[in-house]
Amino acid sequence: MCATIALGLLSRKITGIPLSWGDGLYAVMIYWLCRFIFFQRSLSFCLVSSLAFCFTIEFLQLVQHPLLISVRNHPLLRLLLGQGFLWSDLIAYIAGSAIAFLLDRSFHRSKKK
């Protein structure tokens, strides 16, 4: 998870990397967090949970309540909560969560063999 965070932050600093990669890595990080919290639940549960969390955060960006705006102005919370709604972020979240899910599933299959 720490490596994912580092890659996500690095992706924001390098100009040649599309911003959607950072959003995808955000979804990967959330998937790993779900796997850590819900370690006894199925991989599918963690996939759906991570997508639900990412989508909720993204749709909350449509809400322009003064409290949320002030919270989003903090640099660290801006990274966690985002700044503005983009449909393309939802696609990046799906891709990132799917990649993490597939890596996790292949790891579990190779571990069983």
N, C-alpha and C. Protein backbone atom coordinates (compact mmCIF):
# COMPACT_ATOMS: atom_id res chain seq x y z
N MET A 1 0.82 -1.18 0.00
CA MET A 1 0.00 0.00 0.00
C MET A 1 0.87 1.25 0.00
N CYS A 2 1.96 1.23 0.75
CA CYS A 2 2.86 2.39 0.79
C CYS A 2 3.48 2.64 -0.58
N ALA A 3 3.84 1.57 -1.27
CA ALA A 3 4.41 1.74 -2.62
C ALA A 3 3.37 2.34 -3.57
N THR A 4 2.14 1.94 -3.42
CA THR A 4 1.06 2.49 -4.26
C THR A 4 0.88 3.98 -4.00
N ILE A 5 0.93 4.37 -2.74
CA ILE A 5 0.81 5.78 -2.39
C ILE A 5 1.98 6.57 -2.99
N ALA A 6 3.18 6.02 -2.85
CA ALA A 6 4.36 6.70 -3.39
C ALA A 6 4.26 6.85 -4.91
N LEU A 7 3.83 5.80 -5.59
CA LEU A 7 3.67 5.89 -7.05
C LEU A 7 2.59 6.90 -7.43
N GLY A 8 1.51 6.94 -6.67
CA GLY A 8 0.44 7.89 -6.94
C GLY A 8 0.90 9.33 -6.77
N LEU A 9 1.65 9.60 -5.70
CA LEU A 9 2.17 10.95 -5.50
C LEU A 9 3.19 11.31 -6.57
N LEU A 10 4.01 10.34 -6.94
CA LEU A 10 5.01 10.57 -7.99
C LEU A 10 4.34 10.85 -9.33
N SER A 11 3.21 10.19 -9.58
CA SER A 11 2.51 10.39 -10.85
C SER A 11 1.98 11.82 -10.98
N ARG A 12 1.75 12.49 -9.88
CA ARG A 12 1.28 13.88 -9.90
C ARG A 12 2.42 14.86 -10.18
N LYS A 13 3.66 14.42 -9.95
CA LYS A 13 4.82 15.30 -10.11
C LYS A 13 5.44 15.23 -11.50
N ILE A 14 5.26 14.10 -12.19
CA ILE A 14 5.86 13.90 -13.51
C ILE A 14 4.85 14.36 -14.56
N THR A 15 5.26 15.30 -15.40
CA THR A 15 4.33 15.92 -16.34
C THR A 15 3.87 14.98 -17.45
N GLY A 16 4.63 13.99 -17.82
CA GLY A 16 4.26 13.11 -18.93
C GLY A 16 3.23 12.05 -18.59
N ILE A 17 2.97 11.86 -17.30
CA ILE A 17 2.03 10.82 -16.88
C ILE A 17 0.63 11.43 -16.78
N PRO A 18 -0.35 10.81 -17.45
CA PRO A 18 -1.73 11.34 -17.37
C PRO A 18 -2.26 11.32 -15.94
N LEU A 19 -3.10 12.29 -15.60
CA LEU A 19 -3.67 12.37 -14.25
C LEU A 19 -4.52 11.15 -13.90
N SER A 20 -5.07 10.51 -14.92
CA SER A 20 -5.92 9.34 -14.66
C SER A 20 -5.12 8.19 -14.04
N TRP A 21 -3.82 8.15 -14.27
CA TRP A 21 -3.01 7.10 -13.65
C TRP A 21 -3.01 7.25 -12.13
N GLY A 22 -2.94 8.49 -11.67
CA GLY A 22 -3.00 8.73 -10.23
C GLY A 22 -4.34 8.31 -9.65
N ASP A 23 -5.41 8.54 -10.40
CA ASP A 23 -6.74 8.12 -9.95
C ASP A 23 -6.84 6.60 -9.92
N GLY A 24 -6.26 5.96 -10.90
CA GLY A 24 -6.24 4.50 -10.91
C GLY A 24 -5.45 3.95 -9.74
N LEU A 25 -4.31 4.58 -9.44
CA LEU A 25 -3.51 4.15 -8.30
C LEU A 25 -4.23 4.41 -6.97
N TYR A 26 -5.02 5.48 -6.94
CA TYR A 26 -5.85 5.75 -5.76
C TYR A 26 -6.81 4.58 -5.53
N ALA A 27 -7.41 4.10 -6.60
CA ALA A 27 -8.34 2.97 -6.48
C ALA A 27 -7.60 1.70 -6.05
N VAL A 28 -6.39 1.51 -6.56
CA VAL A 28 -5.57 0.36 -6.13
C VAL A 28 -5.32 0.45 -4.62
N MET A 29 -4.94 1.64 -4.15
CA MET A 29 -4.68 1.83 -2.73
C MET A 29 -5.93 1.53 -1.89
N ILE A 30 -7.08 1.99 -2.35
CA ILE A 30 -8.33 1.74 -1.62
C ILE A 30 -8.64 0.24 -1.62
N TYR A 31 -8.37 -0.44 -2.73
CA TYR A 31 -8.58 -1.89 -2.77
C TYR A 31 -7.70 -2.58 -1.73
N TRP A 32 -6.40 -2.20 -1.67
CA TRP A 32 -5.50 -2.83 -0.69
C TRP A 32 -5.96 -2.53 0.73
N LEU A 33 -6.47 -1.32 0.95
CA LEU A 33 -6.99 -0.97 2.27
C LEU A 33 -8.20 -1.83 2.62
N CYS A 34 -9.08 -2.04 1.66
CA CYS A 34 -10.24 -2.91 1.89
C CYS A 34 -9.80 -4.34 2.19
N ARG A 35 -8.79 -4.81 1.49
CA ARG A 35 -8.29 -6.17 1.73
C ARG A 35 -7.68 -6.28 3.13
N PHE A 36 -7.04 -5.20 3.59
CA PHE A 36 -6.46 -5.19 4.93
C PHE A 36 -7.56 -5.20 6.00
N ILE A 37 -8.58 -4.38 5.80
CA ILE A 37 -9.66 -4.27 6.79
C ILE A 37 -10.56 -5.50 6.76
N PHE A 38 -10.91 -5.96 5.56
CA PHE A 38 -11.84 -7.08 5.39
C PHE A 38 -11.10 -8.33 4.93
N PHE A 39 -10.01 -8.68 5.62
CA PHE A 39 -9.15 -9.78 5.17
C PHE A 39 -9.85 -11.13 5.13
N GLN A 40 -10.93 -11.29 5.87
CA GLN A 40 -11.64 -12.57 5.86
C GLN A 40 -12.78 -12.60 4.86
N ARG A 41 -13.05 -11.48 4.21
CA ARG A 41 -14.12 -11.43 3.22
C ARG A 41 -13.56 -11.82 1.85
N SER A 42 -14.45 -12.04 0.92
CA SER A 42 -14.05 -12.47 -0.42
C SER A 42 -13.37 -11.33 -1.18
N LEU A 43 -12.63 -11.70 -2.20
CA LEU A 43 -11.98 -10.72 -3.06
C LEU A 43 -13.03 -9.86 -3.77
N SER A 44 -14.13 -10.49 -4.17
CA SER A 44 -15.20 -9.75 -4.84
C SER A 44 -15.81 -8.70 -3.93
N PHE A 45 -15.97 -9.02 -2.66
CA PHE A 45 -16.49 -8.06 -1.70
C PHE A 45 -15.57 -6.84 -1.62
N CYS A 46 -14.27 -7.09 -1.59
CA CYS A 46 -13.31 -5.98 -1.52
C CYS A 46 -13.32 -5.17 -2.81
N LEU A 47 -13.51 -5.82 -3.93
CA LEU A 47 -13.59 -5.09 -5.20
C LEU A 47 -14.80 -4.15 -5.19
N VAL A 48 -15.94 -4.67 -4.82
CA VAL A 48 -17.17 -3.86 -4.78
C VAL A 48 -17.05 -2.76 -3.73
N SER A 49 -16.48 -3.07 -2.58
CA SER A 49 -16.31 -2.07 -1.52
C SER A 49 -15.40 -0.94 -1.96
N SER A 50 -14.30 -1.28 -2.60
CA SER A 50 -13.37 -0.23 -3.04
C SER A 50 -14.00 0.64 -4.11
N LEU A 51 -14.74 0.03 -5.02
CA LEU A 51 -15.43 0.83 -6.05
C LEU A 51 -16.50 1.73 -5.42
N ALA A 52 -17.23 1.19 -4.47
CA ALA A 52 -18.27 1.98 -3.81
C ALA A 52 -17.64 3.18 -3.09
N PHE A 53 -16.53 2.96 -2.43
CA PHE A 53 -15.85 4.05 -1.74
C PHE A 53 -15.36 5.11 -2.73
N CYS A 54 -14.67 4.67 -3.78
CA CYS A 54 -14.14 5.61 -4.77
C CYS A 54 -15.26 6.39 -5.45
N PHE A 55 -16.32 5.71 -5.82
CA PHE A 55 -17.44 6.38 -6.48
C PHE A 55 -18.11 7.38 -5.53
N THR A 56 -18.24 7.01 -4.26
CA THR A 56 -18.83 7.92 -3.28
C THR A 56 -18.01 9.19 -3.14
N ILE A 57 -16.70 9.03 -3.03
CA ILE A 57 -15.81 10.19 -2.92
C ILE A 57 -15.95 11.06 -4.17
N GLU A 58 -16.00 10.44 -5.33
CA GLU A 58 -16.09 11.21 -6.58
C GLU A 58 -17.43 11.96 -6.66
N PHE A 59 -18.52 11.29 -6.35
CA PHE A 59 -19.81 11.96 -6.42
C PHE A 59 -19.98 13.02 -5.33
N LEU A 60 -19.29 12.87 -4.21
CA LEU A 60 -19.31 13.91 -3.18
C LEU A 60 -18.67 15.20 -3.67
N GLN A 61 -17.85 15.10 -4.70
CA GLN A 61 -17.22 16.29 -5.25
C GLN A 61 -18.25 17.18 -5.95
N LEU A 62 -19.40 16.63 -6.25
CA LEU A 62 -20.48 17.44 -6.82
C LEU A 62 -21.15 18.32 -5.77
N VAL A 63 -21.00 17.94 -4.51
CA VAL A 63 -21.59 18.69 -3.41
C VAL A 63 -20.67 19.86 -3.07
N GLN A 64 -21.20 21.05 -3.15
CA GLN A 64 -20.38 22.25 -2.92
C GLN A 64 -20.79 22.96 -1.63
N HIS A 65 -20.92 22.20 -0.57
CA HIS A 65 -21.23 22.76 0.75
C HIS A 65 -19.99 23.49 1.27
N PRO A 66 -20.16 24.64 1.92
CA PRO A 66 -18.99 25.39 2.41
C PRO A 66 -18.04 24.59 3.29
N LEU A 67 -18.58 23.70 4.12
CA LEU A 67 -17.72 22.88 4.97
C LEU A 67 -16.85 21.95 4.12
N LEU A 68 -17.46 21.30 3.14
CA LEU A 68 -16.69 20.41 2.26
C LEU A 68 -15.66 21.18 1.45
N ILE A 69 -16.00 22.36 1.02
CA ILE A 69 -15.05 23.18 0.26
C ILE A 69 -13.85 23.53 1.13
N SER A 70 -14.09 23.90 2.37
CA SER A 70 -12.97 24.25 3.25
C SER A 70 -12.12 23.03 3.58
N VAL A 71 -12.74 21.87 3.75
CA VAL A 71 -11.99 20.64 4.01
C VAL A 71 -11.12 20.29 2.80
N ARG A 72 -11.67 20.46 1.60
CA ARG A 72 -10.92 20.15 0.37
C ARG A 72 -9.77 21.11 0.12
N ASN A 73 -9.75 22.24 0.78
CA ASN A 73 -8.66 23.19 0.60
C ASN A 73 -7.39 22.78 1.34
N HIS A 74 -7.51 21.86 2.29
CA HIS A 74 -6.32 21.34 2.98
C HIS A 74 -5.57 20.42 2.01
N PRO A 75 -4.24 20.61 1.86
CA PRO A 75 -3.50 19.82 0.84
C PRO A 75 -3.63 18.31 0.97
N LEU A 76 -3.55 17.78 2.19
CA LEU A 76 -3.64 16.33 2.37
C LEU A 76 -5.05 15.83 2.09
N LEU A 77 -6.04 16.56 2.58
CA LEU A 77 -7.43 16.15 2.36
C LEU A 77 -7.84 16.31 0.90
N ARG A 78 -7.21 17.24 0.21
CA ARG A 78 -7.48 17.39 -1.23
C ARG A 78 -7.05 16.13 -1.98
N LEU A 79 -5.92 15.53 -1.55
CA LEU A 79 -5.48 14.28 -2.17
C LEU A 79 -6.46 13.15 -1.90
N LEU A 80 -7.03 13.12 -0.71
CA LEU A 80 -7.94 12.04 -0.35
C LEU A 80 -9.34 12.24 -0.91
N LEU A 81 -9.83 13.48 -0.89
CA LEU A 81 -11.22 13.75 -1.26
C LEU A 81 -11.39 14.32 -2.66
N GLY A 82 -10.30 14.70 -3.30
CA GLY A 82 -10.38 15.24 -4.65
C GLY A 82 -10.87 16.68 -4.66
N GLN A 83 -10.92 17.23 -5.85
CA GLN A 83 -11.28 18.63 -5.98
C GLN A 83 -12.51 18.85 -6.85
N GLY A 84 -12.61 18.15 -7.96
CA GLY A 84 -13.73 18.35 -8.86
C GLY A 84 -14.16 17.04 -9.50
N PHE A 85 -15.44 16.91 -9.78
CA PHE A 85 -15.99 15.70 -10.37
C PHE A 85 -15.59 15.56 -11.83
N LEU A 86 -15.13 14.36 -12.19
CA LEU A 86 -14.83 14.03 -13.59
C LEU A 86 -15.33 12.61 -13.87
N TRP A 87 -16.06 12.46 -14.97
CA TRP A 87 -16.51 11.12 -15.36
C TRP A 87 -15.32 10.20 -15.63
N SER A 88 -14.25 10.76 -16.17
CA SER A 88 -13.08 9.94 -16.49
C SER A 88 -12.45 9.33 -15.23
N ASP A 89 -12.62 9.99 -14.09
CA ASP A 89 -12.11 9.42 -12.84
C ASP A 89 -12.80 8.11 -12.51
N LEU A 90 -14.09 8.02 -12.81
CA LEU A 90 -14.83 6.79 -12.53
C LEU A 90 -14.25 5.63 -13.34
N ILE A 91 -13.87 5.90 -14.58
CA ILE A 91 -13.26 4.86 -15.42
C ILE A 91 -11.90 4.46 -14.85
N ALA A 92 -11.13 5.46 -14.39
CA ALA A 92 -9.83 5.16 -13.79
C ALA A 92 -10.00 4.33 -12.51
N TYR A 93 -11.03 4.61 -11.74
CA TYR A 93 -11.28 3.83 -10.52
C TYR A 93 -11.64 2.39 -10.86
N ILE A 94 -12.44 2.21 -11.89
CA ILE A 94 -12.80 0.85 -12.30
C ILE A 94 -11.55 0.11 -12.75
N ALA A 95 -10.72 0.76 -13.57
CA ALA A 95 -9.50 0.12 -14.07
C ALA A 95 -8.55 -0.20 -12.92
N GLY A 96 -8.33 0.75 -12.02
CA GLY A 96 -7.41 0.51 -10.91
C GLY A 96 -7.88 -0.59 -9.98
N SER A 97 -9.16 -0.57 -9.65
CA SER A 97 -9.71 -1.62 -8.77
C SER A 97 -9.64 -2.98 -9.45
N ALA A 98 -9.93 -3.02 -10.74
CA ALA A 98 -9.89 -4.29 -11.48
C ALA A 98 -8.47 -4.84 -11.54
N ILE A 99 -7.50 -3.97 -11.77
CA ILE A 99 -6.10 -4.42 -11.82
C ILE A 99 -5.68 -4.98 -10.46
N ALA A 100 -6.01 -4.28 -9.38
CA ALA A 100 -5.67 -4.77 -8.04
C ALA A 100 -6.36 -6.09 -7.75
N PHE A 101 -7.63 -6.20 -8.14
CA PHE A 101 -8.39 -7.44 -7.94
C PHE A 101 -7.74 -8.60 -8.69
N LEU A 102 -7.38 -8.37 -9.95
CA LEU A 102 -6.77 -9.43 -10.75
C LEU A 102 -5.41 -9.84 -10.21
N LEU A 103 -4.61 -8.87 -9.77
CA LEU A 103 -3.33 -9.21 -9.14
C LEU A 103 -3.54 -10.02 -7.88
N ASP A 104 -4.48 -9.61 -7.07
CA ASP A 104 -4.79 -10.30 -5.83
C ASP A 104 -5.27 -11.72 -6.10
N ARG A 105 -6.17 -11.85 -7.06
CA ARG A 105 -6.70 -13.18 -7.40
C ARG A 105 -5.61 -14.10 -7.93
N SER A 106 -4.73 -13.57 -8.79
CA SER A 106 -3.66 -14.42 -9.31
C SER A 106 -2.68 -14.81 -8.22
N PHE A 107 -2.45 -13.92 -7.26
CA PHE A 107 -1.58 -14.25 -6.12
C PHE A 107 -2.19 -15.37 -5.29
N HIS A 108 -3.50 -15.29 -5.05
CA HIS A 108 -4.16 -16.32 -4.25
C HIS A 108 -4.20 -17.66 -4.98
N ARG A 109 -4.37 -17.62 -6.29
CA ARG A 109 -4.37 -18.88 -7.05
C ARG A 109 -3.00 -19.52 -7.06
N SER A 110 -1.94 -18.72 -7.20
CA SER A 110 -0.59 -19.29 -7.21
C SER A 110 -0.20 -19.78 -5.83
N LYS A 111 -0.75 -19.18 -4.78
CA LYS A 111 -0.47 -19.59 -3.42
C LYS A 111 -1.11 -20.93 -3.11
N LYS A 112 -2.27 -21.21 -3.73
CA LYS A 112 -2.96 -22.48 -3.49
C LYS A 112 -2.29 -23.65 -4.18
N LYS A 113 -1.53 -23.37 -5.24
CA LYS A 113 -0.89 -24.46 -6.01
C LYS A 113 0.32 -25.00 -5.32
